[in-house]
Protein backbone atom coordinates (compact mmCIF):
# COMPACT_ATOMS: atom_id res chain seq x y z
CA MET A 1 5.12 7.61 -23.79
CA LEU A 2 5.05 7.36 -19.39
CA THR A 3 4.94 3.43 -18.60
CA SER A 4 4.73 1.62 -15.29
CA TYR A 5 6.20 -1.94 -17.41
CA ALA A 6 9.58 -2.44 -18.46
CA GLU A 7 9.04 -3.80 -21.78
CA GLN A 8 7.16 -0.83 -22.80
CA ALA A 9 10.27 1.49 -21.21
CA THR A 10 12.88 1.11 -24.71
CA GLY A 11 13.13 3.30 -27.25
CA ALA A 12 13.10 7.01 -27.34
CA ASN A 13 10.79 9.17 -25.29
CA ARG A 14 10.13 6.19 -23.49
CA LEU A 15 10.13 6.57 -18.86
CA MET A 16 9.32 4.25 -17.21
CA THR A 17 7.54 5.40 -13.75
CA LEU A 18 4.77 4.74 -11.08
CA LYS A 19 1.98 3.84 -11.69
CA PRO A 20 -0.11 7.05 -11.66
CA SER A 21 -2.43 8.70 -8.83
CA PRO A 22 -4.69 11.77 -8.81
CA LEU A 23 -3.09 12.88 -5.01
CA ASP A 24 0.06 15.26 -4.18
CA PRO A 25 1.61 14.04 -1.31
CA ASP A 26 2.58 17.54 -0.11
CA THR A 27 -0.72 18.09 0.24
CA ILE A 28 -1.63 14.73 2.68
CA ALA A 29 -0.38 15.51 5.79
CA ARG A 30 1.65 13.11 7.84
CA PRO A 31 1.09 11.99 11.35
CA SER A 32 0.39 14.69 13.89
CA GLY A 33 3.81 14.88 15.74
CA ARG A 34 5.57 12.00 13.72
CA PRO A 35 8.75 12.46 12.63
CA GLU A 36 10.35 9.78 9.62
CA ARG A 37 10.09 6.24 10.51
CA GLU A 38 13.06 4.68 12.49
CA ALA A 39 14.21 1.22 12.35
CA GLY A 40 13.07 -1.36 14.37
CA ALA A 41 10.48 1.61 15.37
CA ARG A 42 6.85 -0.30 16.35
CA PRO A 43 3.52 1.46 14.42
CA GLY A 44 1.56 3.51 16.52
CA ILE A 45 -1.15 3.31 14.40
CA ALA A 46 -0.85 1.31 10.59
CA GLY A 47 -3.17 1.51 8.09
CA LEU A 48 -4.56 -1.46 6.19
CA ILE A 49 -5.78 -1.37 2.53
CA VAL A 50 -8.31 -4.91 2.58
CA GLY A 51 -9.21 -5.80 -1.32
CA GLY A 52 -10.14 -8.67 -2.69
CA ASP A 53 -10.04 -11.43 -5.11
CA ALA A 54 -9.13 -10.01 -8.27
CA GLY A 55 -7.96 -11.37 -11.86
CA THR A 56 -5.53 -14.53 -10.69
CA VAL A 57 -5.47 -13.33 -7.66
CA ARG A 58 -7.89 -15.28 -5.26
CA TYR A 59 -7.99 -15.52 -1.41
CA ALA A 60 -9.35 -17.83 1.02
CA ARG A 61 -11.17 -18.13 4.61
CA ALA A 62 -8.17 -18.94 5.81
CA ASP A 63 -6.33 -16.24 4.00
CA TRP A 64 -9.01 -13.30 5.25
CA LYS A 65 -8.84 -15.25 9.64
CA GLY A 66 -5.29 -15.24 9.74
CA LEU A 67 -5.32 -10.99 8.35
CA LEU A 68 -7.27 -10.42 10.95
CA ALA A 69 -5.80 -12.32 13.64
CA PHE A 70 -2.64 -10.56 12.55
CA VAL A 71 -3.95 -7.62 12.91
CA ARG A 72 -5.01 -8.76 16.19
CA GLU A 73 -1.66 -10.16 17.23
CA CYS A 74 0.11 -6.88 16.00
CA PHE A 75 -2.45 -4.42 18.87
CA GLU A 76 -1.39 -6.84 21.22
CA ALA A 77 2.16 -7.34 21.00
CA TRP A 78 3.19 -3.99 20.06
CA GLY A 79 0.24 -1.71 20.92
CA THR A 80 -0.92 -0.68 17.41
CA ARG A 81 -4.27 0.00 16.40
CA TRP A 82 -4.82 -0.16 12.57
CA ILE A 83 -6.82 2.25 10.55
CA VAL A 84 -8.07 -0.44 7.73
CA SER A 85 -10.36 0.34 4.61
CA ASN A 86 -12.39 -1.94 2.52
CA ALA A 87 -13.05 -2.07 -1.34
CA PRO A 88 -16.14 -2.83 -3.95
CA ARG A 89 -14.74 -6.24 -4.31
CA THR A 90 -14.34 -6.66 -0.95
CA PRO A 91 -16.56 -10.19 0.06
CA ALA A 92 -19.43 -8.96 2.79
CA PHE A 93 -18.66 -11.77 5.43
CA VAL A 94 -14.83 -9.74 5.27
CA SER A 95 -16.14 -6.43 5.38
CA ASP A 96 -18.97 -8.10 8.58
CA MET A 97 -16.10 -9.35 10.48
CA LEU A 98 -14.38 -5.15 10.25
CA ALA A 99 -17.32 -3.88 11.36
CA GLU A 100 -17.81 -5.90 14.00
CA MET A 101 -14.25 -5.95 15.23
CA SER A 102 -14.14 -2.30 14.74
CA ALA A 103 -16.95 -2.14 17.42
CA SER A 104 -16.19 -4.59 19.89
CA ASP A 105 -11.75 -4.72 19.54
CA GLY A 106 -9.38 -1.61 20.08
CA ALA A 107 -7.37 -3.24 18.05
CA ILE A 108 -8.77 -1.24 15.55
CA ALA A 109 -9.46 2.02 15.64
CA ARG A 110 -11.38 2.84 12.84
CA PHE A 111 -13.23 1.37 10.00
CA ILE A 112 -13.47 3.45 6.66
CA ASP A 113 -16.40 0.72 4.70
CA VAL A 114 -16.76 1.21 1.28
CA ARG A 115 -20.36 0.54 1.86
CA THR A 116 -21.62 3.14 3.73
CA ALA A 117 -18.19 6.10 2.98
CA GLY A 118 -18.68 5.32 -0.56
CA PRO A 119 -14.96 5.77 -2.31
CA GLY A 120 -12.44 8.88 -2.56
CA THR A 121 -12.44 8.62 1.72
CA LEU A 122 -8.57 6.94 2.15
CA GLY A 123 -7.62 10.20 3.64
CA PRO A 124 -8.01 9.82 7.02
CA LEU A 125 -5.95 6.58 6.90
CA PHE A 126 -3.25 7.86 4.66
CA ALA A 127 -3.14 11.19 6.68
CA GLN A 128 -2.44 9.00 10.11
CA SER A 129 -0.84 5.59 9.53
CA GLU A 130 3.31 5.45 9.79
CA VAL A 131 2.93 2.78 7.74
CA ILE A 132 0.09 0.66 5.37
CA LEU A 133 0.14 -2.19 4.27
CA CYS A 134 -1.98 -3.97 1.25
CA THR A 135 -4.23 -7.13 0.40
CA GLY A 136 -1.83 -7.93 -3.02
CA ASP A 137 -4.68 -7.67 -5.59
CA SER A 138 -4.59 -4.09 -6.14
CA SER A 139 -0.89 -2.72 -8.06
CA THR A 140 -2.86 0.25 -8.48
CA MET A 141 -3.94 0.68 -4.58
CA LEU A 142 -0.06 -0.89 -3.64
CA SER A 143 1.63 2.28 -6.22
CA GLU A 144 -0.61 4.53 -4.31
CA CYS A 145 1.22 4.03 -1.61
CA VAL A 146 4.77 4.52 -2.47
CA TRP A 147 3.27 7.76 -4.24
CA LEU A 148 2.42 9.57 -1.16
CA GLN A 149 6.01 8.09 0.28
CA ARG A 150 4.56 5.88 2.98
CA PRO A 151 6.55 2.73 3.71
CA VAL A 152 3.85 -0.42 2.15
CA VAL A 153 3.62 -3.66 2.63
CA ALA A 154 2.09 -6.29 -0.01
CA VAL A 155 0.29 -9.22 2.39
CA THR A 156 -0.49 -12.22 -0.18
CA PRO A 157 -2.66 -14.52 -0.37
CA ARG A 158 -2.15 -18.88 -0.82
CA ASP A 159 -3.62 -18.91 -4.34
CA TRP A 160 -2.08 -15.55 -5.78
CA VAL A 161 -0.08 -15.10 -9.37
CA LEU A 162 0.27 -11.93 -11.37
CA PRO A 163 0.92 -12.15 -15.18
CA ALA A 164 4.06 -11.13 -16.34
CA ASN A 165 3.87 -7.08 -16.67
CA GLU A 166 2.65 -6.95 -13.49
CA ALA A 167 4.73 -9.44 -11.89
CA SER A 168 7.76 -7.44 -13.48
CA TYR A 169 6.79 -3.77 -12.38
CA ARG A 170 6.54 -5.77 -8.72
CA SER A 171 9.23 -5.98 -8.37
CA TRP A 172 11.15 -3.29 -9.46
CA LEU A 173 8.75 -1.40 -7.44
CA ALA A 174 10.93 -3.90 -4.78
CA GLN A 175 14.21 -3.44 -6.09
CA LYS A 176 14.19 0.87 -5.57
CA GLY A 177 13.12 -0.33 -1.40
CA TRP A 178 9.79 1.10 -2.45
CA THR A 179 7.75 -1.91 -0.55
CA ARG A 180 8.06 -4.83 0.18
CA GLU A 181 5.57 -8.57 -0.16
CA LEU A 182 4.79 -10.66 3.16
CA PRO A 183 2.60 -14.05 2.77
CA ILE A 184 -0.60 -13.76 5.36
CA ALA A 185 0.06 -17.52 5.70
CA ASP A 186 3.20 -16.59 7.24
CA LEU A 187 2.65 -13.05 8.86
CA HIS A 188 4.27 -12.76 12.32
CA PRO A 189 4.97 -9.27 13.99
CA ALA A 190 8.70 -9.09 13.45
CA ASP A 191 8.46 -10.43 9.97
CA LEU A 192 6.73 -7.15 9.47
CA LEU A 193 8.90 -4.78 11.51
CA ALA A 194 11.77 -6.67 9.14
CA ALA A 195 9.60 -5.52 5.75
CA LEU A 196 10.14 -2.30 7.27
CA ASP A 197 13.34 -1.87 8.13
CA ALA A 198 13.99 -2.80 4.59
CA ILE A 199 11.35 0.08 2.46
CA LYS A 200 13.10 3.00 2.31
CA PRO A 201 9.89 5.30 0.67
CA LEU A 202 10.79 8.18 -2.21
CA ALA A 203 12.67 10.91 -0.35
CA ILE A 204 10.52 13.83 -3.35
CA ASN A 205 7.33 14.14 -4.63
CA PRO A 206 7.14 12.17 -7.49
CA LEU A 207 5.95 14.42 -9.82
CA ASP A 208 9.45 16.82 -8.99
CA ALA A 209 10.63 13.57 -10.16
CA LEU A 210 8.68 12.86 -13.38
CA ALA A 211 9.38 16.18 -13.89
CA VAL A 212 13.43 15.92 -13.52
CA GLN A 213 12.69 12.85 -15.96
CA ILE A 214 10.97 14.57 -18.94
CA GLU A 215 12.33 18.27 -19.13
CA PRO A 216 16.04 16.83 -20.53
CA LEU A 217 13.06 14.92 -23.25
CA LEU A 218 11.12 17.99 -24.09
CA PRO A 219 11.48 19.65 -27.44
CA VAL A 220 13.30 23.34 -26.88
CA LEU A 221 10.78 25.87 -27.16
CA THR A 222 11.86 28.97 -28.68
CA ASP A 223 9.90 32.49 -29.87
């Protein structure tokens, strides 16, 4: 049995693993002409995946305004341009602000608006972004970025708490060195840089890693 929760991973023939993804990192191009990220490197292109209220995670207008201000701050400080995608649960006023920024502000290189683009349109964000930020409401999206071997930081609102099993899973991701969390209220470019320097993305395709884990547990097949 494969599970993403430590409390279910005890006992024989049970493995704790990343939440699964339909994507294969070997088929998703990396940023063209860019080597693996080096410590202290300021991203030229960064991805931002924006969700919304979910479960016990709630965003105030101040959270959204702070996040968009941070996007502009990184652009002004580093020249970082952003590829941004929203989600079906993103508040309409946030999506509208992103669309307006995309049209008038150099900070956003591309806005993938799910309201018109539809689902399954994150390919360009994954392929072109050197690093990715996700709002903290979705373990699934966070896991998908980890799965694709990208440095990923979860940004969190003031009002948020996770169920015990999800909190444990997020801690496991951080302990592995795959992710970091930063509060939106205190976001500054230097904090993002420090978080990115602490991340060590997956070195191999997680499908291959999972195969190595599973192989010793499979019964020996004989003729």
